[in-house]
Full PDB file with SEQRES, HELIX, SHEET, SSBOND, CRYST1, ORIGX, SCALE, CONECT and MASTER records, all heavy atoms in Angstrom:
SEQRES   1 A   43  GLU GLN LEU GLU PHE LEU GLY ASP ALA VAL LEU ASP MET          
SEQRES   2 A   43  LEU ALA SER GLU TYR LEU LEU ALA ALA PHE PRO ASP TRP          
SEQRES   3 A   43  SER GLU GLY GLN LEU SER LYS SER ARG ALA ARG LEU VAL          
SEQRES   4 A   43  ASN ALA ARG ALA                                              
HELIX    1 AA1 GLN A    2  ALA A   22  1                                  21    
HELIX    2 AA2 GLU A   28  LEU A   38  1                                  11    
CRYST1    1.000    1.000    1.000  90.00  90.00  90.00 P 1           1          
ORIGX1      1.000000  0.000000  0.000000        0.00000                         
ORIGX2      0.000000  1.000000  0.000000        0.00000                         
ORIGX3      0.000000  0.000000  1.000000        0.00000                         
SCALE1      1.000000  0.000000  0.000000        0.00000                         
SCALE2      0.000000  1.000000  0.000000        0.00000                         
SCALE3      0.000000  0.000000  1.000000        0.00000                         
ATOM      1  N   GLU A   1      -2.608  -8.246 -18.966  1.00  0.00           N  
ATOM      2  CA  GLU A   1      -2.095  -9.025 -17.838  1.00  0.00           C  
ATOM      3  C   GLU A   1      -0.715  -8.580 -17.366  1.00  0.00           C  
ATOM      4  O   GLU A   1      -0.439  -8.555 -16.175  1.00  0.00           O  
ATOM      5  CB  GLU A   1      -2.112 -10.508 -18.170  1.00  0.00           C  
ATOM      6  CG  GLU A   1      -3.542 -11.073 -18.264  1.00  0.00           C  
ATOM      7  CD  GLU A   1      -3.592 -12.557 -18.543  1.00  0.00           C  
ATOM      8  OE1 GLU A   1      -2.508 -13.162 -18.726  1.00  0.00           O  
ATOM      9  OE2 GLU A   1      -4.709 -13.113 -18.562  1.00  0.00           O  
ATOM     10  N   GLN A   2       0.178  -8.231 -18.299  1.00  0.00           N  
ATOM     11  CA  GLN A   2       1.491  -7.734 -17.881  1.00  0.00           C  
ATOM     12  C   GLN A   2       1.356  -6.390 -17.171  1.00  0.00           C  
ATOM     13  O   GLN A   2       2.097  -6.106 -16.210  1.00  0.00           O  
ATOM     14  CB  GLN A   2       2.433  -7.618 -19.091  1.00  0.00           C  
ATOM     15  CG  GLN A   2       2.877  -8.969 -19.627  1.00  0.00           C  
ATOM     16  CD  GLN A   2       3.891  -8.842 -20.744  1.00  0.00           C  
ATOM     17  OE1 GLN A   2       4.060  -7.767 -21.332  1.00  0.00           O  
ATOM     18  NE2 GLN A   2       4.583  -9.932 -21.037  1.00  0.00           N  
ATOM     19  N   LEU A   3       0.439  -5.575 -17.625  1.00  0.00           N  
ATOM     20  CA  LEU A   3       0.210  -4.297 -16.957  1.00  0.00           C  
ATOM     21  C   LEU A   3      -0.344  -4.499 -15.559  1.00  0.00           C  
ATOM     22  O   LEU A   3      -0.013  -3.731 -14.636  1.00  0.00           O  
ATOM     23  CB  LEU A   3      -0.737  -3.424 -17.777  1.00  0.00           C  
ATOM     24  CG  LEU A   3      -0.179  -2.875 -19.106  1.00  0.00           C  
ATOM     25  CD1 LEU A   3      -1.254  -2.067 -19.818  1.00  0.00           C  
ATOM     26  CD2 LEU A   3       1.054  -2.003 -18.855  1.00  0.00           C  
ATOM     27  N   GLU A   4      -1.178  -5.504 -15.376  1.00  0.00           N  
ATOM     28  CA  GLU A   4      -1.678  -5.823 -14.027  1.00  0.00           C  
ATOM     29  C   GLU A   4      -0.509  -6.102 -13.091  1.00  0.00           C  
ATOM     30  O   GLU A   4      -0.462  -5.634 -11.932  1.00  0.00           O  
ATOM     31  CB  GLU A   4      -2.585  -7.059 -14.060  1.00  0.00           C  
ATOM     32  CG  GLU A   4      -3.914  -6.873 -14.745  1.00  0.00           C  
ATOM     33  CD  GLU A   4      -4.594  -8.226 -14.909  1.00  0.00           C  
ATOM     34  OE1 GLU A   4      -4.331  -9.128 -14.088  1.00  0.00           O  
ATOM     35  OE2 GLU A   4      -5.371  -8.373 -15.865  1.00  0.00           O  
ATOM     36  N   PHE A   5       0.448  -6.887 -13.558  1.00  0.00           N  
ATOM     37  CA  PHE A   5       1.621  -7.246 -12.763  1.00  0.00           C  
ATOM     38  C   PHE A   5       2.395  -5.994 -12.335  1.00  0.00           C  
ATOM     39  O   PHE A   5       2.747  -5.838 -11.159  1.00  0.00           O  
ATOM     40  CB  PHE A   5       2.517  -8.185 -13.583  1.00  0.00           C  
ATOM     41  CG  PHE A   5       3.844  -8.477 -12.950  1.00  0.00           C  
ATOM     42  CD1 PHE A   5       3.947  -9.388 -11.918  1.00  0.00           C  
ATOM     43  CD2 PHE A   5       4.992  -7.840 -13.402  1.00  0.00           C  
ATOM     44  CE1 PHE A   5       5.174  -9.671 -11.328  1.00  0.00           C  
ATOM     45  CE2 PHE A   5       6.217  -8.112 -12.810  1.00  0.00           C  
ATOM     46  CZ  PHE A   5       6.318  -9.034 -11.780  1.00  0.00           C  
ATOM     47  N   LEU A   6       2.631  -5.122 -13.278  1.00  0.00           N  
ATOM     48  CA  LEU A   6       3.357  -3.883 -12.956  1.00  0.00           C  
ATOM     49  C   LEU A   6       2.524  -2.979 -12.068  1.00  0.00           C  
ATOM     50  O   LEU A   6       3.043  -2.382 -11.097  1.00  0.00           O  
ATOM     51  CB  LEU A   6       3.718  -3.148 -14.248  1.00  0.00           C  
ATOM     52  CG  LEU A   6       4.407  -1.784 -14.092  1.00  0.00           C  
ATOM     53  CD1 LEU A   6       5.717  -1.943 -13.313  1.00  0.00           C  
ATOM     54  CD2 LEU A   6       4.656  -1.160 -15.454  1.00  0.00           C  
ATOM     55  N   GLY A   7       1.244  -2.887 -12.333  1.00  0.00           N  
ATOM     56  CA  GLY A   7       0.363  -2.032 -11.543  1.00  0.00           C  
ATOM     57  C   GLY A   7       0.315  -2.438 -10.079  1.00  0.00           C  
ATOM     58  O   GLY A   7       0.248  -1.590  -9.190  1.00  0.00           O  
ATOM     59  N   ASP A   8       0.383  -3.733  -9.818  1.00  0.00           N  
ATOM     60  CA  ASP A   8       0.398  -4.231  -8.451  1.00  0.00           C  
ATOM     61  C   ASP A   8       1.607  -3.687  -7.681  1.00  0.00           C  
ATOM     62  O   ASP A   8       1.501  -3.249  -6.521  1.00  0.00           O  
ATOM     63  CB  ASP A   8       0.426  -5.764  -8.467  1.00  0.00           C  
ATOM     64  CG  ASP A   8       0.416  -6.366  -7.077  1.00  0.00           C  
ATOM     65  OD1 ASP A   8      -0.587  -6.184  -6.356  1.00  0.00           O  
ATOM     66  OD2 ASP A   8       1.408  -7.001  -6.706  1.00  0.00           O  
ATOM     67  N   ALA A   9       2.762  -3.673  -8.338  1.00  0.00           N  
ATOM     68  CA  ALA A   9       3.992  -3.155  -7.707  1.00  0.00           C  
ATOM     69  C   ALA A   9       3.912  -1.656  -7.494  1.00  0.00           C  
ATOM     70  O   ALA A   9       4.322  -1.143  -6.446  1.00  0.00           O  
ATOM     71  CB  ALA A   9       5.195  -3.509  -8.553  1.00  0.00           C  
ATOM     72  N   VAL A  10       3.400  -0.924  -8.485  1.00  0.00           N  
ATOM     73  CA  VAL A  10       3.258   0.522  -8.357  1.00  0.00           C  
ATOM     74  C   VAL A  10       2.299   0.872  -7.227  1.00  0.00           C  
ATOM     75  O   VAL A  10       2.568   1.788  -6.426  1.00  0.00           O  
ATOM     76  CB  VAL A  10       2.769   1.134  -9.698  1.00  0.00           C  
ATOM     77  CG1 VAL A  10       2.465   2.612  -9.550  1.00  0.00           C  
ATOM     78  CG2 VAL A  10       3.819   0.935 -10.781  1.00  0.00           C  
ATOM     79  N   LEU A  11       1.201   0.151  -7.143  1.00  0.00           N  
ATOM     80  CA  LEU A  11       0.234   0.371  -6.067  1.00  0.00           C  
ATOM     81  C   LEU A  11       0.845   0.165  -4.685  1.00  0.00           C  
ATOM     82  O   LEU A  11       0.662   0.977  -3.772  1.00  0.00           O  
ATOM     83  CB  LEU A  11      -0.953  -0.584  -6.220  1.00  0.00           C  
ATOM     84  CG  LEU A  11      -2.084  -0.113  -7.132  1.00  0.00           C  
ATOM     85  CD1 LEU A  11      -2.943  -1.300  -7.535  1.00  0.00           C  
ATOM     86  CD2 LEU A  11      -2.952   0.913  -6.402  1.00  0.00           C  
ATOM     87  N   ASP A  12       1.587  -0.930  -4.511  1.00  0.00           N  
ATOM     88  CA  ASP A  12       2.218  -1.215  -3.219  1.00  0.00           C  
ATOM     89  C   ASP A  12       3.169  -0.094  -2.801  1.00  0.00           C  
ATOM     90  O   ASP A  12       3.161   0.358  -1.650  1.00  0.00           O  
ATOM     91  CB  ASP A  12       2.957  -2.545  -3.273  1.00  0.00           C  
ATOM     92  CG  ASP A  12       2.084  -3.731  -2.889  1.00  0.00           C  
ATOM     93  OD1 ASP A  12       0.918  -3.493  -2.489  1.00  0.00           O  
ATOM     94  OD2 ASP A  12       2.556  -4.865  -3.002  1.00  0.00           O  
ATOM     95  N   MET A  13       3.988   0.349  -3.752  1.00  0.00           N  
ATOM     96  CA  MET A  13       4.966   1.385  -3.418  1.00  0.00           C  
ATOM     97  C   MET A  13       4.295   2.706  -3.074  1.00  0.00           C  
ATOM     98  O   MET A  13       4.616   3.346  -2.060  1.00  0.00           O  
ATOM     99  CB  MET A  13       5.938   1.595  -4.595  1.00  0.00           C  
ATOM    100  CG  MET A  13       7.020   2.616  -4.268  1.00  0.00           C  
ATOM    101  SD  MET A  13       8.139   2.901  -5.633  1.00  0.00           S  
ATOM    102  CE  MET A  13       7.063   3.761  -6.765  1.00  0.00           C  
ATOM    103  N   LEU A  14       3.338   3.117  -3.885  1.00  0.00           N  
ATOM    104  CA  LEU A  14       2.711   4.425  -3.653  1.00  0.00           C  
ATOM    105  C   LEU A  14       1.785   4.385  -2.440  1.00  0.00           C  
ATOM    106  O   LEU A  14       1.626   5.397  -1.747  1.00  0.00           O  
ATOM    107  CB  LEU A  14       1.961   4.865  -4.909  1.00  0.00           C  
ATOM    108  CG  LEU A  14       2.871   5.240  -6.087  1.00  0.00           C  
ATOM    109  CD1 LEU A  14       2.057   5.618  -7.316  1.00  0.00           C  
ATOM    110  CD2 LEU A  14       3.820   6.365  -5.720  1.00  0.00           C  
ATOM    111  N   ALA A  15       1.178   3.246  -2.162  1.00  0.00           N  
ATOM    112  CA  ALA A  15       0.366   3.130  -0.952  1.00  0.00           C  
ATOM    113  C   ALA A  15       1.254   3.234   0.281  1.00  0.00           C  
ATOM    114  O   ALA A  15       0.896   3.884   1.268  1.00  0.00           O  
ATOM    115  CB  ALA A  15      -0.391   1.801  -0.942  1.00  0.00           C  
ATOM    116  N   SER A  16       2.441   2.602   0.237  1.00  0.00           N  
ATOM    117  CA  SER A  16       3.378   2.689   1.352  1.00  0.00           C  
ATOM    118  C   SER A  16       3.797   4.136   1.576  1.00  0.00           C  
ATOM    119  O   SER A  16       3.822   4.634   2.714  1.00  0.00           O  
ATOM    120  CB  SER A  16       4.617   1.829   1.067  1.00  0.00           C  
ATOM    121  OG  SER A  16       4.255   0.475   0.903  1.00  0.00           O  
ATOM    122  N   GLU A  17       4.129   4.806   0.505  1.00  0.00           N  
ATOM    123  CA  GLU A  17       4.537   6.207   0.578  1.00  0.00           C  
ATOM    124  C   GLU A  17       3.429   7.086   1.163  1.00  0.00           C  
ATOM    125  O   GLU A  17       3.681   7.946   2.034  1.00  0.00           O  
ATOM    126  CB  GLU A  17       4.916   6.700  -0.830  1.00  0.00           C  
ATOM    127  CG  GLU A  17       5.281   8.168  -0.913  1.00  0.00           C  
ATOM    128  CD  GLU A  17       5.369   8.621  -2.362  1.00  0.00           C  
ATOM    129  OE1 GLU A  17       4.335   9.000  -2.954  1.00  0.00           O  
ATOM    130  OE2 GLU A  17       6.489   8.599  -2.903  1.00  0.00           O  
ATOM    131  N   TYR A  18       2.215   6.865   0.712  1.00  0.00           N  
ATOM    132  CA  TYR A  18       1.072   7.661   1.160  1.00  0.00           C  
ATOM    133  C   TYR A  18       0.831   7.475   2.651  1.00  0.00           C  
ATOM    134  O   TYR A  18       0.619   8.446   3.396  1.00  0.00           O  
ATOM    135  CB  TYR A  18      -0.160   7.273   0.353  1.00  0.00           C  
ATOM    136  CG  TYR A  18      -1.394   8.061   0.722  1.00  0.00           C  
ATOM    137  CD1 TYR A  18      -1.590   9.353   0.242  1.00  0.00           C  
ATOM    138  CD2 TYR A  18      -2.371   7.509   1.545  1.00  0.00           C  
ATOM    139  CE1 TYR A  18      -2.720  10.077   0.578  1.00  0.00           C  
ATOM    140  CE2 TYR A  18      -3.504   8.227   1.903  1.00  0.00           C  
ATOM    141  CZ  TYR A  18      -3.674   9.500   1.400  1.00  0.00           C  
ATOM    142  OH  TYR A  18      -4.794  10.224   1.745  1.00  0.00           O  
ATOM    143  N   LEU A  19       0.873   6.226   3.113  1.00  0.00           N  
ATOM    144  CA  LEU A  19       0.610   5.951   4.517  1.00  0.00           C  
ATOM    145  C   LEU A  19       1.719   6.501   5.419  1.00  0.00           C  
ATOM    146  O   LEU A  19       1.454   6.999   6.514  1.00  0.00           O  
ATOM    147  CB  LEU A  19       0.444   4.448   4.729  1.00  0.00           C  
ATOM    148  CG  LEU A  19      -0.852   3.858   4.156  1.00  0.00           C  
ATOM    149  CD1 LEU A  19      -0.781   2.332   4.155  1.00  0.00           C  
ATOM    150  CD2 LEU A  19      -2.053   4.328   4.956  1.00  0.00           C  
ATOM    151  N   LEU A  20       2.950   6.409   4.967  1.00  0.00           N  
ATOM    152  CA  LEU A  20       4.057   6.975   5.741  1.00  0.00           C  
ATOM    153  C   LEU A  20       3.901   8.481   5.943  1.00  0.00           C  
ATOM    154  O   LEU A  20       4.157   9.003   7.024  1.00  0.00           O  
ATOM    155  CB  LEU A  20       5.395   6.682   5.058  1.00  0.00           C  
ATOM    156  CG  LEU A  20       5.989   5.292   5.264  1.00  0.00           C  
ATOM    157  CD1 LEU A  20       7.160   5.058   4.331  1.00  0.00           C  
ATOM    158  CD2 LEU A  20       6.438   5.115   6.703  1.00  0.00           C  
ATOM    159  N   ALA A  21       3.449   9.158   4.882  1.00  0.00           N  
ATOM    160  CA  ALA A  21       3.259  10.596   4.982  1.00  0.00           C  
ATOM    161  C   ALA A  21       2.041  10.937   5.835  1.00  0.00           C  
ATOM    162  O   ALA A  21       2.063  11.914   6.597  1.00  0.00           O  
ATOM    163  CB  ALA A  21       3.097  11.179   3.586  1.00  0.00           C  
ATOM    164  N   ALA A  22       0.990  10.135   5.732  1.00  0.00           N  
ATOM    165  CA  ALA A  22      -0.251  10.443   6.446  1.00  0.00           C  
ATOM    166  C   ALA A  22      -0.158  10.073   7.931  1.00  0.00           C  
ATOM    167  O   ALA A  22      -0.761  10.746   8.779  1.00  0.00           O  
ATOM    168  CB  ALA A  22      -1.416   9.700   5.802  1.00  0.00           C  
ATOM    169  N   PHE A  23       0.589   9.009   8.251  1.00  0.00           N  
ATOM    170  CA  PHE A  23       0.655   8.517   9.632  1.00  0.00           C  
ATOM    171  C   PHE A  23       2.115   8.253  10.016  1.00  0.00           C  
ATOM    172  O   PHE A  23       2.529   7.089  10.144  1.00  0.00           O  
ATOM    173  CB  PHE A  23      -0.175   7.234   9.768  1.00  0.00           C  
ATOM    174  CG  PHE A  23      -1.599   7.402   9.342  1.00  0.00           C  
ATOM    175  CD1 PHE A  23      -2.045   6.878   8.127  1.00  0.00           C  
ATOM    176  CD2 PHE A  23      -2.510   8.085  10.141  1.00  0.00           C  
ATOM    177  CE1 PHE A  23      -3.361   7.033   7.720  1.00  0.00           C  
ATOM    178  CE2 PHE A  23      -3.817   8.251   9.752  1.00  0.00           C  
ATOM    179  CZ  PHE A  23      -4.263   7.728   8.539  1.00  0.00           C  
ATOM    180  N   PRO A  24       2.900   9.310  10.231  1.00  0.00           N  
ATOM    181  CA  PRO A  24       4.340   9.133  10.490  1.00  0.00           C  
ATOM    182  C   PRO A  24       4.644   8.432  11.804  1.00  0.00           C  
ATOM    183  O   PRO A  24       5.762   7.938  11.986  1.00  0.00           O  
ATOM    184  CB  PRO A  24       4.846  10.583  10.526  1.00  0.00           C  
ATOM    185  CG  PRO A  24       3.662  11.422  10.817  1.00  0.00           C  
ATOM    186  CD  PRO A  24       2.511  10.723  10.175  1.00  0.00           C  
ATOM    187  N   ASP A  25       3.691   8.360  12.721  1.00  0.00           N  
ATOM    188  CA  ASP A  25       3.950   7.730  14.018  1.00  0.00           C  
ATOM    189  C   ASP A  25       3.552   6.257  14.077  1.00  0.00           C  
ATOM    190  O   ASP A  25       3.733   5.609  15.111  1.00  0.00           O  
ATOM    191  CB  ASP A  25       3.185   8.500  15.128  1.00  0.00           C  
ATOM    192  CG  ASP A  25       3.643   9.935  15.257  1.00  0.00           C  
ATOM    193  OD1 ASP A  25       4.842  10.191  15.003  1.00  0.00           O  
ATOM    194  OD2 ASP A  25       2.822  10.799  15.576  1.00  0.00           O  
ATOM    195  N   TRP A  26       2.991   5.744  13.023  1.00  0.00           N  
ATOM    196  CA  TRP A  26       2.530   4.367  13.046  1.00  0.00           C  
ATOM    197  C   TRP A  26       3.686   3.377  13.015  1.00  0.00           C  
ATOM    198  O   TRP A  26       4.749   3.637  12.447  1.00  0.00           O  
ATOM    199  CB  TRP A  26       1.609   4.088  11.861  1.00  0.00           C  
ATOM    200  CG  TRP A  26       0.190   4.523  12.102  1.00  0.00           C  
ATOM    201  CD1 TRP A  26      -0.300   5.144  13.207  1.00  0.00           C  
ATOM    202  CD2 TRP A  26      -0.895   4.361  11.199  1.00  0.00           C  
ATOM    203  NE1 TRP A  26      -1.644   5.369  13.051  1.00  0.00           N  
ATOM    204  CE2 TRP A  26      -2.023   4.908  11.837  1.00  0.00           C  
ATOM    205  CE3 TRP A  26      -1.024   3.810   9.932  1.00  0.00           C  
ATOM    206  CZ2 TRP A  26      -3.282   4.914  11.230  1.00  0.00           C  
ATOM    207  CZ3 TRP A  26      -2.276   3.808   9.337  1.00  0.00           C  
ATOM    208  CH2 TRP A  26      -3.390   4.360   9.981  1.00  0.00           C  
ATOM    209  N   SER A  27       3.468   2.212  13.610  1.00  0.00           N  
ATOM    210  CA  SER A  27       4.464   1.124  13.599  1.00  0.00           C  
ATOM    211  C   SER A  27       4.461   0.434  12.234  1.00  0.00           C  
ATOM    212  O   SER A  27       3.549   0.600  11.427  1.00  0.00           O  
ATOM    213  CB  SER A  27       4.139   0.107  14.683  1.00  0.00           C  
ATOM    214  OG  SER A  27       2.938  -0.596  14.357  1.00  0.00           O  
ATOM    215  N   GLU A  28       5.500  -0.379  12.038  1.00  0.00           N  
ATOM    216  CA  GLU A  28       5.564  -1.143  10.782  1.00  0.00           C  
ATOM    217  C   GLU A  28       4.350  -2.064  10.638  1.00  0.00           C  
ATOM    218  O   GLU A  28       3.806  -2.234   9.541  1.00  0.00           O  
ATOM    219  CB  GLU A  28       6.853  -1.967  10.742  1.00  0.00           C  
ATOM    220  CG  GLU A  28       7.011  -2.791   9.450  1.00  0.00           C  
ATOM    221  CD  GLU A  28       8.231  -3.678   9.473  1.00  0.00           C  
ATOM    222  OE1 GLU A  28       9.000  -3.625  10.447  1.00  0.00           O  
ATOM    223  OE2 GLU A  28       8.429  -4.420   8.494  1.00  0.00           O  
ATOM    224  N   GLY A  29       3.923  -2.656  11.761  1.00  0.00           N  
ATOM    225  CA  GLY A  29       2.771  -3.541  11.718  1.00  0.00           C  
ATOM    226  C   GLY A  29       1.514  -2.815  11.294  1.00  0.00           C  
ATOM    227  O   GLY A  29       0.735  -3.334  10.481  1.00  0.00           O  
ATOM    228  N   GLN A  30       1.288  -1.636  11.852  1.00  0.00           N  
ATOM    229  CA  GLN A  30       0.115  -0.846  11.479  1.00  0.00           C  
ATOM    230  C   GLN A  30       0.160  -0.474   9.997  1.00  0.00           C  
ATOM    231  O   GLN A  30      -0.841  -0.551   9.282  1.00  0.00           O  
ATOM    232  CB  GLN A  30       0.028   0.420  12.322  1.00  0.00           C  
ATOM    233  CG  GLN A  30      -0.450   0.211  13.737  1.00  0.00           C  
ATOM    234  CD  GLN A  30      -0.460   1.509  14.516  1.00  0.00           C  
ATOM    235  OE1 GLN A  30       0.593   2.154  14.677  1.00  0.00           O  
ATOM    236  NE2 GLN A  30      -1.614   1.900  15.008  1.00  0.00           N  
ATOM    237  N   LEU A  31       1.351  -0.066   9.553  1.00  0.00           N  
ATOM    238  CA  LEU A  31       1.495   0.346   8.152  1.00  0.00           C  
ATOM    239  C   LEU A  31       1.248  -0.829   7.205  1.00  0.00           C  
ATOM    240  O   LEU A  31       0.591  -0.677   6.183  1.00  0.00           O  
ATOM    241  CB  LEU A  31       2.886   0.941   7.929  1.00  0.00           C  
ATOM    242  CG  LEU A  31       3.164   2.268   8.602  1.00  0.00           C  
ATOM    243  CD1 LEU A  31       4.652   2.574   8.572  1.00  0.00           C  
ATOM    244  CD2 LEU A  31       2.388   3.401   7.917  1.00  0.00           C  
ATOM    245  N   SER A  32       1.782  -1.992   7.573  1.00  0.00           N  
ATOM    246  CA  SER A  32       1.624  -3.166   6.706  1.00  0.00           C  
ATOM    247  C   SER A  32       0.152  -3.576   6.598  1.00  0.00           C  
ATOM    248  O   SER A  32      -0.346  -3.867   5.491  1.00  0.00           O  
ATOM    249  CB  SER A  32       2.441  -4.346   7.258  1.00  0.00           C  
ATOM    250  OG  SER A  32       3.810  -4.058   7.197  1.00  0.00           O  
ATOM    251  N   LYS A  33      -0.551  -3.603   7.747  1.00  0.00           N  
ATOM    252  CA  LYS A  33      -1.962  -3.967   7.722  1.00  0.00           C  
ATOM    253  C   LYS A  33      -2.782  -2.956   6.941  1.00  0.00           C  
ATOM    254  O   LYS A  33      -3.699  -3.304   6.199  1.00  0.00           O  
ATOM    255  CB  LYS A  33      -2.491  -4.100   9.147  1.00  0.00           C  
ATOM    256  CG  LYS A  33      -1.966  -5.325   9.894  1.00  0.00           C  
ATOM    257  CD  LYS A  33      -2.401  -5.312  11.349  1.00  0.00           C  
ATOM    258  CE  LYS A  33      -1.822  -6.499  12.099  1.00  0.00           C  
ATOM    259  NZ  LYS A  33      -2.156  -6.451  13.538  1.00  0.00           N  
ATOM    260  N   SER A  34      -2.454  -1.669   7.116  1.00  0.00           N  
ATOM    261  CA  SER A  34      -3.193  -0.631   6.418  1.00  0.00           C  
ATOM    262  C   SER A  34      -2.989  -0.699   4.918  1.00  0.00           C  
ATOM    263  O   SER A  34      -3.914  -0.544   4.139  1.00  0.00           O  
ATOM    264  CB  SER A  34      -2.739   0.740   6.942  1.00  0.00           C  
ATOM    265  OG  SER A  34      -3.019   0.865   8.306  1.00  0.00           O  
ATOM    266  N   ARG A  35      -1.733  -0.964   4.514  1.00  0.00           N  
ATOM    267  CA  ARG A  35      -1.473  -1.073   3.081  1.00  0.00           C  
ATOM    268  C   ARG A  35      -2.242  -2.234   2.483  1.00  0.00           C  
ATOM    269  O   ARG A  35      -2.807  -2.123   1.377  1.00  0.00           O  
ATOM    270  CB  ARG A  35       0.041  -1.249   2.840  1.00  0.00           C  
ATOM    271  CG  ARG A  35       0.400  -1.340   1.347  1.00  0.00           C  
ATOM    272  CD  ARG A  35       1.884  -1.533   1.171  1.00  0.00           C  
ATOM    273  NE  ARG A  35       2.333  -2.774   1.787  1.00  0.00           N  
ATOM    274  CZ  ARG A  35       3.615  -3.083   1.984  1.00  0.00           C  
ATOM    275  NH1 ARG A  35       4.566  -2.225   1.643  1.00  0.00           N  
ATOM    276  NH2 ARG A  35       3.941  -4.239   2.533  1.00  0.00           N  
ATOM    277  N   ALA A  36      -2.276  -3.353   3.198  1.00  0.00           N  
ATOM    278  CA  ALA A  36      -2.999  -4.520   2.691  1.00  0.00           C  
ATOM    279  C   ALA A  36      -4.468  -4.195   2.500  1.00  0.00           C  
ATOM    280  O   ALA A  36      -5.096  -4.642   1.524  1.00  0.00           O  
ATOM    281  CB  ALA A  36      -2.851  -5.694   3.659  1.00  0.00           C  
ATOM    282  N   ARG A  37      -5.061  -3.417   3.392  1.00  0.00           N  
ATOM    283  CA  ARG A  37      -6.470  -3.065   3.266  1.00  0.00           C  
ATOM    284  C   ARG A  37      -6.687  -1.991   2.203  1.00  0.00           C  
ATOM    285  O   ARG A  37      -7.721  -1.952   1.544  1.00  0.00           O  
ATOM    286  CB  ARG A  37      -7.006  -2.579   4.610  1.00  0.00           C  
ATOM    287  CG  ARG A  37      -6.991  -3.666   5.665  1.00  0.00           C  
ATOM    288  CD  ARG A  37      -7.621  -3.217   6.965  1.00  0.00           C  
ATOM    289  NE  ARG A  37      -9.053  -2.997   6.790  1.00  0.00           N  
ATOM    290  CZ  ARG A  37      -9.870  -2.673   7.797  1.00  0.00           C  
ATOM    291  NH1 ARG A  37      -9.385  -2.508   9.008  1.00  0.00           N  
ATOM    292  NH2 ARG A  37     -11.145  -2.493   7.578  1.00  0.00           N  
ATOM    293  N   LEU A  38      -5.701  -1.104   2.045  1.00  0.00           N  
ATOM    294  CA  LEU A  38      -5.833   0.005   1.109  1.00  0.00           C  
ATOM    295  C   LEU A  38      -5.839  -0.481  -0.337  1.00  0.00           C  
ATOM    296  O   LEU A  38      -6.521   0.093  -1.185  1.00  0.00           O  
ATOM    297  CB  LEU A  38      -4.700   0.991   1.332  1.00  0.00           C  
ATOM    298  CG  LEU A  38      -4.810   2.366   0.739  1.00  0.00           C  
ATOM    299  CD1 LEU A  38      -6.023   3.112   1.278  1.00  0.00           C  
ATOM    300  CD2 LEU A  38      -3.530   3.178   1.013  1.00  0.00           C  
ATOM    301  N   VAL A  39      -5.062  -1.532  -0.628  1.00  0.00           N  
ATOM    302  CA  VAL A  39      -4.913  -1.977  -2.009  1.00  0.00           C  
ATOM    303  C   VAL A  39      -5.394  -3.415  -2.222  1.00  0.00           C  
ATOM    304  O   VAL A  39      -5.006  -4.054  -3.188  1.00  0.00           O  
ATOM    305  CB  VAL A  39      -3.448  -1.832  -2.487  1.00  0.00           C  
ATOM    306  CG1 VAL A  39      -3.000  -0.395  -2.424  1.00  0.00           C  
ATOM    307  CG2 VAL A  39      -2.503  -2.716  -1.651  1.00  0.00           C  
ATOM    308  N   ASN A  40      -6.268  -3.908  -1.329  1.00  0.00           N  
ATOM    309  CA  ASN A  40      -6.761  -5.265  -1.531  1.00  0.00           C  
ATOM    310  C   ASN A  40      -7.762  -5.310  -2.681  1.00  0.00           C  
ATOM    311  O   ASN A  40      -8.182  -4.275  -3.220  1.00  0.00           O  
ATOM    312  CB  ASN A  40      -7.337  -5.871  -0.252  1.00  0.00           C  
ATOM    313  CG  ASN A  40      -8.601  -5.176   0.223  1.00  0.00           C  
ATOM    314  OD1 ASN A  40      -9.298  -4.503  -0.513  1.00  0.00           O  
ATOM    315  ND2 ASN A  40      -8.912  -5.357   1.503  1.00  0.00           N  
ATOM    316  N   ALA A  41      -8.154  -6.513  -3.067  1.00  0.00           N  
ATOM    317  CA  ALA A  41      -9.001  -6.673  -4.253  1.00  0.00           C  
ATOM    318  C   ALA A  41     -10.337  -5.945  -4.107  1.00  0.00           C  
ATOM    319  O   ALA A  41     -10.842  -5.361  -5.072  1.00  0.00           O  
ATOM    320  CB  ALA A  41      -9.237  -8.162  -4.520  1.00  0.00           C  
ATOM    321  N   ARG A  42     -10.897  -5.966  -2.906  1.00  0.00           N  
ATOM    322  CA  ARG A  42     -12.186  -5.312  -2.693  1.00  0.00           C  
ATOM    323  C   ARG A  42     -12.066  -3.792  -2.851  1.00  0.00           C  
ATOM    324  O   ARG A  42     -12.917  -3.144  -3.474  1.00  0.00           O  
ATOM    325  CB  ARG A  42     -12.710  -5.659  -1.304  1.00  0.00           C  
ATOM    326  CG  ARG A  42     -14.030  -4.994  -0.933  1.00  0.00           C  
ATOM    327  CD  ARG A  42     -15.159  -5.375  -1.874  1.00  0.00           C  
ATOM    328  NE  ARG A  42     -16.432  -4.858  -1.408  1.00  0.00           N  
ATOM    329  CZ  ARG A  42     -17.533  -4.787  -2.153  1.00  0.00           C  
ATOM    330  NH1 ARG A  42     -17.517  -5.250  -3.388  1.00  0.00           N  
ATOM    331  NH2 ARG A  42     -18.652  -4.327  -1.661  1.00  0.00           N  
ATOM    332  N   ALA A  43     -10.997  -3.208  -2.296  1.00  0.00           N  
ATOM    333  CA  ALA A  43     -10.790  -1.754  -2.410  1.00  0.00           C  
ATOM    334  C   ALA A  43     -10.600  -1.360  -3.867  1.00  0.00           C  
ATOM    335  O   ALA A  43     -11.139  -0.335  -4.319  1.00  0.00           O  
ATOM    336  CB  ALA A  43      -9.582  -1.324  -1.571  1.00  0.00           C  
TER     337      ALA A  43                                                      
MASTER        0    0    0    2    0    0    0    6  336    1    0    4          
END                                                                             
């Protein structure tokens, strides 16, 4: 369970980094929505 907590933070950071590199022209709103879909429970 403690690892889950840490993993959630690592996922958010690395997903943000990945999307910024892949889509440098996207707005903050697009990036936020994409990150939420990229690391949601279903994904």
